[in-house]
N, C-alpha and C. Protein backbone atom coordinates (compact mmCIF):
# COMPACT_ATOMS: atom_id res chain seq x y z
N MET A 1 -44.12 -54.06 43.48
CA MET A 1 -43.04 -54.27 42.32
C MET A 1 -43.48 -53.63 41.23
N GLU A 2 -44.61 -54.00 40.64
CA GLU A 2 -44.85 -53.40 39.34
C GLU A 2 -44.62 -51.99 39.37
N ASN A 3 -44.57 -50.92 40.69
CA ASN A 3 -44.72 -49.54 40.45
C ASN A 3 -43.19 -49.32 40.76
N ILE A 4 -42.49 -49.89 41.44
CA ILE A 4 -40.93 -49.54 41.26
C ILE A 4 -40.34 -49.82 39.84
N ASN A 5 -40.40 -51.00 39.34
CA ASN A 5 -40.38 -51.29 37.88
C ASN A 5 -40.88 -50.20 36.66
N GLU A 6 -42.09 -49.65 37.16
CA GLU A 6 -42.47 -48.71 36.23
C GLU A 6 -41.82 -47.19 36.30
N LYS A 7 -41.19 -46.89 37.84
CA LYS A 7 -40.46 -45.90 38.14
C LYS A 7 -39.12 -46.06 37.23
N ASP A 8 -38.82 -47.45 37.21
CA ASP A 8 -37.04 -47.39 36.81
C ASP A 8 -37.38 -47.33 35.37
N THR A 9 -38.51 -47.77 34.73
CA THR A 9 -38.71 -47.80 33.40
C THR A 9 -38.75 -46.23 32.85
N ALA A 10 -39.50 -45.55 33.51
CA ALA A 10 -39.49 -44.18 33.50
C ALA A 10 -38.34 -43.27 33.51
N LYS A 11 -37.45 -43.52 34.56
CA LYS A 11 -36.32 -43.06 34.50
C LYS A 11 -35.20 -43.19 33.67
N GLN A 12 -35.04 -44.63 33.18
CA GLN A 12 -34.57 -45.07 31.96
C GLN A 12 -34.69 -44.00 30.87
N ASN A 13 -36.28 -44.01 30.40
CA ASN A 13 -36.76 -43.67 29.54
C ASN A 13 -36.07 -42.05 29.33
N GLU A 14 -36.09 -41.35 30.65
CA GLU A 14 -36.09 -39.52 30.76
C GLU A 14 -34.14 -39.73 30.68
N ASN A 15 -33.59 -40.70 31.07
CA ASN A 15 -32.06 -40.77 30.47
C ASN A 15 -31.69 -40.90 29.37
N THR A 16 -32.68 -41.60 28.52
CA THR A 16 -32.32 -42.15 27.16
C THR A 16 -32.54 -40.27 26.30
N SER A 17 -33.56 -39.99 27.17
CA SER A 17 -34.12 -38.92 26.21
C SER A 17 -32.93 -37.82 26.41
N GLU A 18 -32.52 -37.85 27.53
CA GLU A 18 -31.35 -36.76 27.76
C GLU A 18 -30.24 -36.89 26.87
N THR A 19 -29.78 -38.19 26.90
CA THR A 19 -28.80 -38.69 26.05
C THR A 19 -29.09 -38.34 24.59
N SER A 20 -30.04 -38.26 24.00
CA SER A 20 -30.33 -37.98 23.07
C SER A 20 -30.41 -36.75 22.50
N LEU A 21 -30.67 -36.36 23.38
CA LEU A 21 -30.75 -34.72 23.44
C LEU A 21 -29.22 -34.04 23.44
N GLY A 22 -28.38 -34.81 24.23
CA GLY A 22 -26.86 -34.08 24.39
C GLY A 22 -26.36 -34.57 22.89
N LYS A 23 -26.42 -35.89 22.53
CA LYS A 23 -25.94 -36.01 21.08
C LYS A 23 -26.41 -35.29 20.18
N ALA A 24 -28.11 -34.52 19.98
CA ALA A 24 -27.98 -33.83 19.19
C ALA A 24 -27.51 -32.73 19.23
N LYS A 25 -27.35 -31.90 20.48
CA LYS A 25 -26.86 -30.72 20.54
C LYS A 25 -25.46 -30.76 20.16
N TYR A 26 -24.61 -32.13 20.56
CA TYR A 26 -23.23 -32.23 20.19
C TYR A 26 -22.95 -31.99 18.46
N VAL A 27 -24.17 -33.16 17.94
CA VAL A 27 -23.91 -32.77 16.40
C VAL A 27 -24.15 -31.61 16.18
N LEU A 28 -25.26 -31.03 16.09
CA LEU A 28 -25.62 -29.59 15.76
C LEU A 28 -24.46 -28.36 16.17
N LYS A 29 -23.96 -28.64 17.29
CA LYS A 29 -22.79 -27.82 17.50
C LYS A 29 -21.64 -27.99 16.49
N GLU A 30 -21.20 -29.21 16.34
CA GLU A 30 -19.89 -29.62 15.37
C GLU A 30 -20.40 -29.47 13.78
N THR A 31 -21.69 -29.56 13.56
CA THR A 31 -22.22 -29.04 12.25
C THR A 31 -21.89 -27.46 12.03
N ILE A 32 -22.40 -26.97 13.17
CA ILE A 32 -22.09 -25.02 12.74
C ILE A 32 -20.57 -25.08 12.89
N SER A 33 -19.92 -25.75 13.78
CA SER A 33 -18.61 -25.36 13.51
C SER A 33 -17.49 -25.26 12.08
N TRP A 34 -18.57 -26.72 11.67
CA TRP A 34 -17.44 -27.03 10.13
C TRP A 34 -18.16 -25.94 9.25
N ALA A 35 -19.67 -25.67 9.46
CA ALA A 35 -20.05 -24.46 8.60
C ALA A 35 -19.51 -23.15 8.50
N ILE A 36 -18.90 -22.92 9.73
CA ILE A 36 -18.20 -21.39 9.88
C ILE A 36 -16.69 -21.87 9.23
N ILE A 37 -16.04 -22.78 9.57
CA ILE A 37 -15.16 -23.21 8.85
C ILE A 37 -14.87 -23.06 7.37
N LEU A 38 -15.72 -23.64 6.85
CA LEU A 38 -16.49 -23.84 5.28
C LEU A 38 -16.39 -22.36 4.86
N VAL A 39 -17.35 -21.79 5.45
CA VAL A 39 -17.32 -20.17 4.90
C VAL A 39 -16.49 -19.20 4.93
N VAL A 40 -15.53 -19.32 6.10
CA VAL A 40 -14.22 -18.71 6.51
C VAL A 40 -13.00 -19.11 5.23
N ALA A 41 -13.15 -20.38 5.02
CA ALA A 41 -12.26 -20.76 4.06
C ALA A 41 -12.46 -20.37 2.40
N ILE A 42 -13.69 -20.35 2.58
CA ILE A 42 -14.64 -19.77 1.02
C ILE A 42 -14.28 -18.62 0.88
N VAL A 43 -14.43 -17.50 1.78
CA VAL A 43 -14.14 -16.16 1.84
C VAL A 43 -12.73 -16.04 1.54
N LEU A 44 -11.78 -16.60 2.55
CA LEU A 44 -10.20 -16.41 2.49
C LEU A 44 -9.86 -16.35 1.13
N ALA A 45 -10.48 -17.79 0.50
CA ALA A 45 -9.86 -18.19 -0.96
C ALA A 45 -10.36 -17.07 -1.89
N LEU A 46 -11.55 -16.64 -2.00
CA LEU A 46 -12.04 -15.55 -2.72
C LEU A 46 -11.06 -14.07 -2.37
N PHE A 47 -10.64 -14.00 -0.99
CA PHE A 47 -9.88 -12.81 -0.93
C PHE A 47 -8.46 -12.92 -1.87
N ILE A 48 -8.00 -14.15 -1.42
CA ILE A 48 -6.31 -14.37 -2.00
C ILE A 48 -6.78 -14.18 -3.64
N THR A 49 -7.70 -14.76 -4.25
CA THR A 49 -7.97 -15.13 -5.45
C THR A 49 -8.21 -13.38 -6.04
N ASN A 50 -8.51 -12.78 -5.63
CA ASN A 50 -9.28 -11.57 -5.90
C ASN A 50 -8.30 -10.43 -5.86
N PHE A 51 -7.75 -10.63 -4.46
CA PHE A 51 -6.54 -9.16 -4.19
C PHE A 51 -5.37 -9.63 -4.05
N VAL A 52 -5.25 -10.88 -3.66
CA VAL A 52 -3.75 -11.05 -3.74
C VAL A 52 -2.73 -11.71 -4.57
N ILE A 53 -3.53 -12.66 -5.46
CA ILE A 53 -2.47 -13.81 -6.62
C ILE A 53 -3.77 -13.06 -7.59
N PHE A 54 -2.73 -13.41 -8.89
CA PHE A 54 -3.38 -13.57 -10.08
C PHE A 54 -3.00 -14.86 -10.83
N LYS A 55 -3.94 -15.72 -11.28
CA LYS A 55 -3.54 -16.88 -11.70
C LYS A 55 -3.91 -16.46 -13.74
N ALA A 56 -2.72 -17.24 -14.51
CA ALA A 56 -3.25 -16.78 -15.68
C ALA A 56 -2.84 -18.15 -16.78
N VAL A 57 -3.30 -18.34 -17.38
CA VAL A 57 -2.73 -19.33 -18.97
C VAL A 57 -1.98 -18.41 -19.65
N VAL A 58 -0.91 -18.84 -20.20
CA VAL A 58 -0.40 -18.19 -21.36
C VAL A 58 -0.86 -19.08 -22.52
N PRO A 59 -1.56 -18.00 -23.55
CA PRO A 59 -2.02 -18.58 -24.38
C PRO A 59 -1.05 -18.44 -26.09
N SER A 60 0.08 -17.79 -25.95
CA SER A 60 0.83 -17.71 -27.08
C SER A 60 2.19 -17.75 -26.89
N GLY A 61 3.24 -17.61 -27.67
CA GLY A 61 4.69 -17.82 -27.44
C GLY A 61 5.58 -16.93 -27.63
N SER A 62 5.02 -15.35 -27.00
CA SER A 62 5.51 -14.02 -27.13
C SER A 62 6.67 -14.18 -26.08
N MET A 63 6.71 -14.96 -25.11
CA MET A 63 7.53 -14.92 -23.85
C MET A 63 8.43 -15.96 -23.96
N GLU A 64 8.66 -16.70 -25.00
CA GLU A 64 9.66 -18.14 -25.38
C GLU A 64 10.49 -17.54 -25.18
N ASN A 65 12.09 -18.32 -25.03
CA ASN A 65 12.17 -19.38 -24.22
C ASN A 65 11.86 -19.69 -22.73
N THR A 66 11.63 -18.07 -22.20
CA THR A 66 11.31 -18.24 -20.15
C THR A 66 9.99 -18.82 -20.45
N ILE A 67 8.99 -18.94 -21.13
CA ILE A 67 7.12 -18.83 -20.83
C ILE A 67 7.09 -19.53 -21.91
N GLN A 68 6.58 -20.86 -21.78
CA GLN A 68 5.88 -21.56 -22.99
C GLN A 68 4.21 -21.27 -23.20
N ILE A 69 3.88 -21.77 -24.36
CA ILE A 69 2.36 -21.65 -24.63
C ILE A 69 1.72 -22.82 -23.70
N GLY A 70 0.71 -22.45 -22.83
CA GLY A 70 -0.02 -23.50 -21.98
C GLY A 70 0.57 -23.29 -20.49
N ASP A 71 1.68 -22.58 -20.17
CA ASP A 71 2.51 -22.30 -18.89
C ASP A 71 1.09 -21.91 -17.77
N LYS A 72 1.22 -22.19 -16.81
CA LYS A 72 0.20 -21.82 -15.84
C LYS A 72 0.80 -21.10 -14.85
N LEU A 73 0.53 -19.77 -14.50
CA LEU A 73 1.61 -18.91 -13.98
C LEU A 73 0.70 -18.46 -12.48
N ILE A 74 1.56 -17.83 -11.36
CA ILE A 74 0.84 -17.44 -10.31
C ILE A 74 1.64 -15.44 -10.42
N GLY A 75 0.70 -14.84 -10.06
CA GLY A 75 1.15 -13.10 -9.96
C GLY A 75 0.55 -12.65 -8.74
N LEU A 76 1.45 -11.90 -8.08
CA LEU A 76 1.50 -11.00 -6.95
C LEU A 76 0.49 -9.82 -7.17
N ARG A 77 -0.70 -9.89 -6.81
CA ARG A 77 -1.08 -8.19 -7.06
C ARG A 77 -0.98 -7.38 -6.03
N MET A 78 -0.38 -7.72 -4.87
CA MET A 78 0.18 -6.95 -3.87
C MET A 78 1.50 -6.69 -3.79
N PHE A 79 1.96 -5.76 -4.73
CA PHE A 79 3.85 -5.31 -4.85
C PHE A 79 3.65 -4.18 -4.66
N LYS A 80 5.08 -3.65 -4.50
CA LYS A 80 5.23 -2.27 -3.89
C LYS A 80 5.99 -1.77 -5.06
N THR A 81 7.32 -2.44 -5.82
CA THR A 81 7.90 -1.67 -7.18
C THR A 81 8.28 -2.74 -7.82
N VAL A 82 8.63 -1.68 -9.13
CA VAL A 82 8.79 -2.79 -10.36
C VAL A 82 10.11 -2.56 -10.79
N SER A 83 11.18 -3.81 -11.17
CA SER A 83 12.51 -3.76 -11.55
C SER A 83 12.60 -3.82 -12.93
N ARG A 84 13.72 -3.62 -13.30
CA ARG A 84 13.83 -4.11 -15.03
C ARG A 84 14.36 -5.91 -14.95
N GLY A 85 13.38 -6.23 -15.86
CA GLY A 85 13.43 -7.70 -15.85
C GLY A 85 12.09 -8.52 -15.06
N ASP A 86 11.38 -7.71 -14.72
CA ASP A 86 10.41 -8.22 -13.90
C ASP A 86 9.29 -8.61 -15.16
N ILE A 87 8.59 -9.70 -14.54
CA ILE A 87 7.31 -10.22 -15.86
C ILE A 87 6.44 -9.86 -15.41
N LEU A 88 5.35 -9.15 -15.90
CA LEU A 88 4.16 -8.70 -15.53
C LEU A 88 3.06 -8.99 -16.21
N ILE A 89 1.83 -8.99 -15.39
CA ILE A 89 0.63 -9.27 -15.93
C ILE A 89 -0.39 -8.19 -16.06
N PHE A 90 -0.69 -7.87 -17.16
CA PHE A 90 -1.59 -6.24 -17.20
C PHE A 90 -2.99 -6.52 -18.46
N GLU A 91 -3.61 -5.59 -18.43
CA GLU A 91 -4.70 -5.40 -19.19
C GLU A 91 -4.00 -4.83 -20.59
N ASN A 92 -4.53 -5.51 -21.86
CA ASN A 92 -4.32 -5.11 -22.93
C ASN A 92 -5.12 -3.76 -22.97
N GLN A 93 -4.38 -2.71 -23.43
CA GLN A 93 -4.44 -1.26 -23.30
C GLN A 93 -5.26 -0.67 -24.55
N ASP A 94 -5.01 -1.44 -25.85
CA ASP A 94 -5.33 -0.96 -27.19
C ASP A 94 -6.73 -1.75 -27.47
N LEU A 95 -7.05 -2.49 -26.55
CA LEU A 95 -8.68 -3.12 -27.21
C LEU A 95 -9.52 -1.63 -27.66
N GLU A 96 -10.48 -1.91 -28.14
CA GLU A 96 -11.15 -1.00 -28.53
C GLU A 96 -12.23 -1.08 -27.29
N GLU A 97 -13.03 0.08 -27.13
CA GLU A 97 -14.00 0.12 -26.19
C GLU A 97 -15.34 -0.90 -26.24
N GLY A 98 -15.45 -1.82 -25.26
CA GLY A 98 -16.87 -2.60 -25.08
C GLY A 98 -16.07 -4.04 -25.47
N ALA A 99 -14.94 -3.83 -25.91
CA ALA A 99 -14.11 -5.30 -26.61
C ALA A 99 -14.16 -6.40 -24.68
N GLU A 100 -13.93 -7.68 -25.12
CA GLU A 100 -13.89 -8.54 -23.71
C GLU A 100 -12.53 -8.33 -23.27
N LYS A 101 -12.13 -8.23 -21.92
CA LYS A 101 -11.11 -8.08 -21.22
C LYS A 101 -10.35 -9.16 -21.51
N GLU A 102 -8.45 -8.34 -21.90
CA GLU A 102 -7.73 -9.23 -22.35
C GLU A 102 -6.47 -8.83 -21.96
N TYR A 103 -5.59 -10.35 -20.94
CA TYR A 103 -4.76 -9.79 -20.22
C TYR A 103 -3.23 -10.11 -21.22
N LEU A 104 -2.17 -9.59 -20.75
CA LEU A 104 -0.95 -9.90 -21.52
C LEU A 104 0.01 -9.94 -20.54
N VAL A 105 1.30 -10.85 -20.96
CA VAL A 105 2.45 -11.28 -19.99
C VAL A 105 3.54 -10.38 -21.00
N LYS A 106 4.38 -9.75 -20.29
CA LYS A 106 5.29 -9.32 -20.78
C LYS A 106 6.66 -9.36 -19.65
N ARG A 107 7.95 -8.78 -20.32
CA ARG A 107 8.74 -8.16 -19.38
C ARG A 107 9.30 -6.81 -19.62
N CYS A 108 9.08 -6.64 -18.07
CA CYS A 108 9.61 -5.19 -18.21
C CYS A 108 10.98 -4.51 -18.55
N ILE A 109 11.18 -3.80 -19.78
CA ILE A 109 12.44 -3.53 -20.07
C ILE A 109 13.16 -2.04 -20.04
N GLY A 110 11.94 -1.48 -20.50
CA GLY A 110 12.12 0.22 -19.85
C GLY A 110 11.91 0.62 -19.01
N MET A 111 12.63 1.49 -17.93
CA MET A 111 11.90 2.30 -16.47
C MET A 111 11.79 3.52 -16.97
N PRO A 112 10.97 4.21 -15.98
CA PRO A 112 10.25 5.48 -15.84
C PRO A 112 11.91 6.63 -16.14
N GLY A 113 11.43 7.79 -17.04
CA GLY A 113 12.60 8.51 -17.41
C GLY A 113 13.60 8.09 -18.21
N GLU A 114 13.81 6.84 -18.82
CA GLU A 114 14.64 6.49 -19.50
C GLU A 114 14.43 6.45 -21.18
N THR A 115 15.45 6.51 -21.94
CA THR A 115 15.40 6.53 -23.29
C THR A 115 15.68 5.34 -23.97
N LEU A 116 14.82 4.74 -24.60
CA LEU A 116 15.10 3.43 -24.91
C LEU A 116 14.96 3.29 -26.67
N GLU A 117 15.72 2.53 -27.32
CA GLU A 117 15.81 2.52 -28.82
C GLU A 117 16.52 0.77 -28.92
N ILE A 118 16.20 0.50 -30.28
CA ILE A 118 16.23 -0.64 -30.81
C ILE A 118 16.86 -0.63 -31.72
N LYS A 119 18.08 -0.91 -32.29
CA LYS A 119 18.86 -0.85 -33.38
C LYS A 119 20.16 -2.17 -33.53
N ASN A 120 20.48 -2.16 -34.60
CA ASN A 120 22.00 -3.05 -34.82
C ASN A 120 21.42 -4.45 -33.87
N GLY A 121 20.31 -4.50 -33.63
CA GLY A 121 19.82 -6.35 -33.32
C GLY A 121 20.08 -6.04 -31.67
N HIS A 122 19.99 -5.09 -31.13
CA HIS A 122 19.60 -4.91 -29.71
C HIS A 122 18.97 -3.94 -28.95
N VAL A 123 18.84 -3.91 -27.68
CA VAL A 123 18.09 -2.77 -26.94
C VAL A 123 19.25 -1.85 -26.25
N TYR A 124 18.53 -0.72 -26.52
CA TYR A 124 19.69 0.31 -25.98
C TYR A 124 18.89 1.12 -25.10
N ILE A 125 19.64 1.16 -23.61
CA ILE A 125 19.15 2.19 -22.68
C ILE A 125 19.85 3.38 -22.61
N ASN A 126 19.64 4.42 -22.73
CA ASN A 126 19.93 5.91 -22.41
C ASN A 126 21.82 5.55 -23.39
N GLY A 127 21.72 4.79 -24.49
CA GLY A 127 22.81 4.81 -25.41
C GLY A 127 23.60 3.66 -25.08
N GLU A 128 23.44 3.27 -24.28
CA GLU A 128 23.87 1.82 -24.01
C GLU A 128 23.36 0.22 -24.07
N VAL A 129 24.12 -0.81 -24.69
CA VAL A 129 23.59 -2.09 -24.89
C VAL A 129 22.93 -2.41 -23.75
N LEU A 130 21.89 -3.33 -23.40
CA LEU A 130 21.22 -3.70 -22.43
C LEU A 130 21.83 -5.40 -22.89
N LEU A 131 22.48 -5.97 -21.83
CA LEU A 131 22.90 -7.06 -22.05
C LEU A 131 21.57 -8.40 -21.46
N GLU A 132 21.12 -9.08 -22.46
CA GLU A 132 19.90 -9.87 -22.62
C GLU A 132 20.31 -11.07 -22.43
N ASP A 133 20.38 -12.28 -21.62
CA ASP A 133 20.36 -13.73 -21.51
C ASP A 133 19.49 -14.57 -21.91
N TYR A 134 18.47 -14.09 -21.71
CA TYR A 134 16.88 -15.03 -21.63
C TYR A 134 16.04 -14.76 -23.27
N LEU A 135 16.74 -14.08 -23.86
CA LEU A 135 15.95 -14.03 -25.32
C LEU A 135 16.15 -15.38 -26.01
N LYS A 136 14.90 -15.55 -26.86
CA LYS A 136 14.87 -16.62 -27.68
C LYS A 136 16.21 -16.25 -28.77
N THR A 137 16.46 -15.25 -29.02
CA THR A 137 17.27 -14.90 -30.39
C THR A 137 18.30 -14.16 -30.19
N ASP A 138 19.52 -14.04 -30.35
CA ASP A 138 20.35 -13.20 -30.04
C ASP A 138 20.05 -11.42 -30.83
N HIS A 139 19.18 -11.74 -32.06
CA HIS A 139 19.27 -10.85 -32.82
C HIS A 139 18.21 -10.09 -33.10
N ILE A 140 17.75 -8.97 -32.69
CA ILE A 140 16.26 -8.32 -32.84
C ILE A 140 16.22 -7.94 -34.22
N ASP A 141 15.13 -8.36 -35.05
CA ASP A 141 14.90 -7.57 -36.40
C ASP A 141 14.50 -6.27 -36.35
N GLY A 142 14.70 -5.10 -37.08
CA GLY A 142 14.36 -4.11 -37.34
C GLY A 142 14.57 -3.21 -36.45
N ASN A 143 14.40 -1.90 -36.31
CA ASN A 143 14.79 -0.41 -35.62
C ASN A 143 13.72 0.04 -35.17
N PHE A 144 13.74 0.16 -34.07
CA PHE A 144 12.69 0.89 -33.17
C PHE A 144 13.42 2.13 -32.43
N GLY A 145 12.17 3.08 -32.10
CA GLY A 145 12.72 4.11 -31.21
C GLY A 145 13.55 5.21 -31.69
N PRO A 146 13.52 6.01 -31.04
CA PRO A 146 14.13 6.03 -29.60
C PRO A 146 12.59 6.43 -28.77
N TYR A 147 12.36 5.67 -27.77
CA TYR A 147 11.21 5.72 -26.86
C TYR A 147 11.56 6.77 -25.81
N GLU A 148 10.99 7.54 -25.49
CA GLU A 148 11.14 8.30 -24.29
C GLU A 148 10.15 8.17 -23.28
N ILE A 149 10.71 7.33 -22.26
CA ILE A 149 9.54 6.60 -21.45
C ILE A 149 9.26 7.76 -20.61
N PRO A 150 7.76 7.94 -19.89
CA PRO A 150 7.23 9.02 -18.99
C PRO A 150 7.62 8.38 -17.82
N GLU A 151 7.58 9.17 -16.83
CA GLU A 151 7.73 8.91 -15.43
C GLU A 151 6.33 8.24 -15.15
N GLY A 152 6.59 6.98 -14.20
CA GLY A 152 5.46 6.30 -13.61
C GLY A 152 5.24 5.31 -15.05
N CYS A 153 6.12 5.21 -15.27
CA CYS A 153 5.13 3.99 -16.90
C CYS A 153 6.63 3.36 -17.34
N TYR A 154 6.43 1.89 -17.53
CA TYR A 154 7.15 0.91 -18.22
C TYR A 154 7.10 0.74 -19.85
N PHE A 155 8.21 0.35 -20.08
CA PHE A 155 8.21 -0.20 -21.87
C PHE A 155 8.22 -1.62 -21.81
N MET A 156 7.63 -2.46 -22.10
CA MET A 156 7.18 -3.78 -21.98
C MET A 156 7.83 -4.55 -23.53
N MET A 157 8.32 -5.64 -22.89
CA MET A 157 8.32 -6.36 -24.22
C MET A 157 8.66 -7.93 -23.95
N GLY A 158 8.11 -8.51 -25.38
CA GLY A 158 8.36 -9.90 -24.99
C GLY A 158 9.81 -11.05 -25.09
N ASP A 159 10.11 -11.95 -24.56
CA ASP A 159 11.55 -12.48 -24.58
C ASP A 159 11.73 -13.06 -25.81
N ASN A 160 10.34 -13.64 -26.69
CA ASN A 160 10.94 -13.99 -28.07
C ASN A 160 10.37 -12.51 -29.04
N ARG A 161 11.52 -11.61 -29.23
CA ARG A 161 11.45 -10.31 -29.60
C ARG A 161 11.42 -10.47 -31.03
N ASN A 162 11.40 -11.42 -31.92
CA ASN A 162 10.76 -11.47 -33.47
C ASN A 162 9.55 -12.36 -33.43
N GLY A 163 8.83 -12.44 -32.36
CA GLY A 163 7.51 -12.91 -32.53
C GLY A 163 6.85 -12.51 -31.51
N SER A 164 6.95 -11.41 -31.04
CA SER A 164 5.87 -10.55 -29.99
C SER A 164 5.35 -9.52 -30.41
N PHE A 165 4.02 -9.36 -30.13
CA PHE A 165 3.62 -7.96 -30.44
C PHE A 165 3.56 -7.50 -29.18
N ASP A 166 4.51 -6.56 -29.06
CA ASP A 166 4.38 -5.75 -27.81
C ASP A 166 4.42 -4.59 -27.89
N ALA A 167 4.99 -3.58 -27.08
CA ALA A 167 5.25 -1.94 -26.81
C ALA A 167 5.69 -1.39 -28.35
N ARG A 168 6.54 -2.09 -28.99
CA ARG A 168 7.16 -1.54 -30.10
C ARG A 168 5.64 -1.43 -31.22
N TYR A 169 4.79 -1.98 -30.94
CA TYR A 169 3.58 -2.03 -32.04
C TYR A 169 2.32 -1.38 -31.47
N TRP A 170 2.57 -1.06 -30.05
CA TRP A 170 1.25 -0.76 -29.44
C TRP A 170 0.94 0.71 -29.83
N LYS A 171 -0.30 1.14 -29.91
CA LYS A 171 -0.84 2.49 -29.64
C LYS A 171 -0.56 3.20 -28.67
N ASN A 172 -0.69 2.42 -27.62
CA ASN A 172 -0.36 3.02 -25.98
C ASN A 172 0.75 2.32 -25.53
N LYS A 173 1.87 2.74 -25.79
CA LYS A 173 3.30 2.17 -26.03
C LYS A 173 3.71 2.04 -24.53
N TYR A 174 3.17 2.82 -23.39
CA TYR A 174 3.72 2.62 -22.05
C TYR A 174 2.68 2.34 -21.41
N LEU A 175 3.26 1.45 -20.23
CA LEU A 175 2.43 0.71 -19.17
C LEU A 175 2.49 1.23 -18.25
N ALA A 176 1.40 2.52 -17.71
CA ALA A 176 1.46 3.16 -16.17
C ALA A 176 1.19 2.17 -15.16
N HIS A 177 2.10 2.32 -13.90
CA HIS A 177 2.30 1.78 -12.90
C HIS A 177 0.92 0.95 -12.39
N GLU A 178 -0.06 1.86 -12.21
CA GLU A 178 -1.27 1.56 -11.63
C GLU A 178 -2.01 0.83 -12.56
N ASP A 179 -2.00 0.65 -13.95
CA ASP A 179 -2.46 -0.45 -15.05
C ASP A 179 -1.82 -1.87 -14.98
N ILE A 180 -0.95 -2.05 -13.92
CA ILE A 180 -0.30 -3.32 -13.50
C ILE A 180 -1.35 -4.34 -13.03
N THR A 181 -1.77 -5.59 -13.45
CA THR A 181 -2.44 -6.44 -12.35
C THR A 181 -1.63 -7.53 -11.48
N ALA A 182 -0.27 -7.68 -12.20
CA ALA A 182 0.38 -8.74 -11.06
C ALA A 182 1.79 -8.75 -11.52
N LYS A 183 2.65 -8.93 -10.54
CA LYS A 183 3.92 -9.47 -10.92
C LYS A 183 3.98 -10.95 -11.04
N VAL A 184 4.61 -11.45 -11.92
CA VAL A 184 4.74 -12.80 -11.94
C VAL A 184 5.94 -13.39 -11.16
N LEU A 185 5.30 -14.62 -10.31
CA LEU A 185 6.19 -15.13 -9.24
C LEU A 185 6.74 -16.22 -9.55
N PHE A 186 5.93 -17.28 -10.46
CA PHE A 186 6.43 -18.62 -10.53
C PHE A 186 5.21 -19.21 -11.44
N ARG A 187 5.69 -20.40 -12.13
CA ARG A 187 4.91 -20.97 -12.95
C ARG A 187 4.71 -22.21 -12.07
N TYR A 188 3.41 -22.98 -11.94
CA TYR A 188 3.09 -24.23 -11.33
C TYR A 188 3.01 -25.21 -12.20
N ASN A 189 2.64 -25.09 -13.56
CA ASN A 189 2.23 -26.23 -14.23
C ASN A 189 2.78 -25.62 -15.72
N PRO A 190 3.45 -26.69 -16.41
CA PRO A 190 4.11 -28.22 -15.99
C PRO A 190 5.49 -27.71 -15.28
N GLY A 191 5.28 -28.10 -13.94
CA GLY A 191 6.35 -28.04 -12.78
C GLY A 191 6.58 -26.86 -12.07
N LEU A 192 7.17 -26.65 -11.12
CA LEU A 192 7.48 -25.84 -10.42
C LEU A 192 8.71 -24.79 -10.63
N HIS A 193 8.32 -23.77 -11.19
CA HIS A 193 9.64 -22.72 -11.66
C HIS A 193 9.52 -21.52 -10.78
N TRP A 194 10.17 -21.13 -10.07
CA TRP A 194 10.49 -19.38 -9.76
C TRP A 194 11.14 -18.65 -10.83
N PHE A 195 10.43 -17.43 -11.09
CA PHE A 195 11.14 -16.31 -11.98
C PHE A 195 11.60 -15.76 -11.20
N LYS A 196 13.02 -15.22 -11.17
CA LYS A 196 13.86 -14.41 -10.53
C LYS A 196 14.12 -12.87 -11.80
N THR A 197 14.20 -11.79 -10.82
CA THR A 197 14.59 -10.49 -11.62
C THR A 197 16.18 -10.67 -12.00
N PRO A 198 16.33 -10.66 -13.75
CA PRO A 198 17.81 -10.86 -14.17
C PRO A 198 18.91 -9.83 -13.69
N ASN A 199 20.07 -10.24 -13.53
CA ASN A 199 20.87 -9.25 -13.04
C ASN A 199 21.42 -9.16 -14.24
N TYR A 200 21.59 -7.67 -14.49
CA TYR A 200 21.82 -7.34 -15.92
C TYR A 200 23.54 -6.94 -15.44
N GLY A 201 23.94 -6.74 -14.69
CA GLY A 201 25.53 -6.16 -14.62
C GLY A 201 25.84 -5.19 -15.40
N GLU A 202 26.56 -4.83 -15.92
CA GLU A 202 26.98 -3.60 -16.50
C GLU A 202 26.70 -3.69 -18.02
N THR A 203 26.18 -2.57 -18.72
CA THR A 203 25.88 -2.45 -19.97
C THR A 203 26.95 -2.04 -20.85
N GLU A 204 26.81 -2.03 -21.87
CA GLU A 204 28.19 -1.73 -23.29
C GLU A 204 27.67 -0.54 -23.90
N GLU A 205 28.82 0.14 -23.63
CA GLU A 205 28.35 1.28 -24.64
C GLU A 205 28.38 1.17 -26.22
N ASP A 206 27.61 1.98 -26.90
CA ASP A 206 27.67 1.67 -28.18
C ASP A 206 29.05 2.08 -28.81
């Protein structure tokens, strides 16, 4: 009987060892699977952040009342076209060499090949008044231009026209298409708000 019990005990120990080994392999397999998922998630997040979207926090009131100070925005890096009225994010082209990178948020007002002028409190495109219902004020102070916008470039202005340091005052007045970082899609804080390209309708003749 003793020999039989010894054999049974040895067999039980062997089974226990096999069970422990099986559990260890399962835990290892699950750990590797979760590690792969985590790495893929991190790589995907980095790819999206660096190549697909751009996150920005607005530090000034130059785009009021459309965008307020402190608003958090999401922009799309991968876009094909720019339309009048699109809100764009881009690097400040007027910074001195070696200065820390700075991003601006403005609205595209002038399109390639157009003549833009600001007079009588309004923007004129090719001699016709541009109707804008998103401005903080109905009257723009001062006269500017006319500006002949080069092909492949845009004229950028803030919606708070009397409180925006924009293309009217820049040394490099025109934003080249290749210098655009992102097209603003929506504000995610405070609250969710999608920005739509304005429908300007018909312009008025001077």
